[in-house]
Amino acid sequence: MFFLYTLLLFAVAVSPTSAWASPPLEKQPGYIDFSSLDLFDGPEPETTVEIYLKNSLLDLVAAATRFEDPELADMLEALYLIRFQAYHKEEGQDTSYDYERIAERLKALTLPDWERVVQVRKRDERMQFYVRTEDETIVGLLVLAGDPHEFVFINIVGSLDLAQVGRIGRKFDIAPLDSIDFGAATPKAPSKD
């Protein structure tokens, strides 16, 4: 069994989609560096949850998923990054997150090449989905979700089929994505080769 795991790790490491065969993550058109943006008034709050799944780990999950769900494995292999950051305001803190102001500031700073495809408003809760395309292929997804007590950023980088986004959310237990259904399947996303 140890030999099998070693072989699997080696296969992922030398695959053409491994991290060192790809351009730097920061150069990918679907990438947004949240940490470099001044989105919050005052000091940036501490991140309460951060998930940072890079290319090599996504390839490993794809290999482990291939037998059970080959479509999901293909989709994961076409991704460079899944990043989830959540900020939570504790009870008793005297500030709340101004979702609209944060979303507008983010849009002005980084989203001129992004298109909003979904916006949800429910009482104090807000959610927006943005996509970035190149040559009619979706190369990035940005999700902003928040209420006065919590703010969430999600950035998925790589060739992406919007109809499959909910599957990514369910696979990695990412709450804002796990119940998303953009409808019928769209054409298969090309590989990141």
Foldseek 3Di string as FASTA:
>chain_A
DVVVVVVLLVCLCPDCLHPVNDDDPVPFPQDDDPVVAPQDPDDDADWPDKDKQAQSNLQSVLVVCCVVDVLSSQQSQQWGIKIKTKGFADPPDPFFDPQVSSVVSCCVPPPPQKDWDDWDDDPQKIKIWIFHDDPNFTAKIWMWIDGRGMIMIIIIGGGHWQQCQLVVCVVVVPVVRVPDGPDDTDPRTDHND
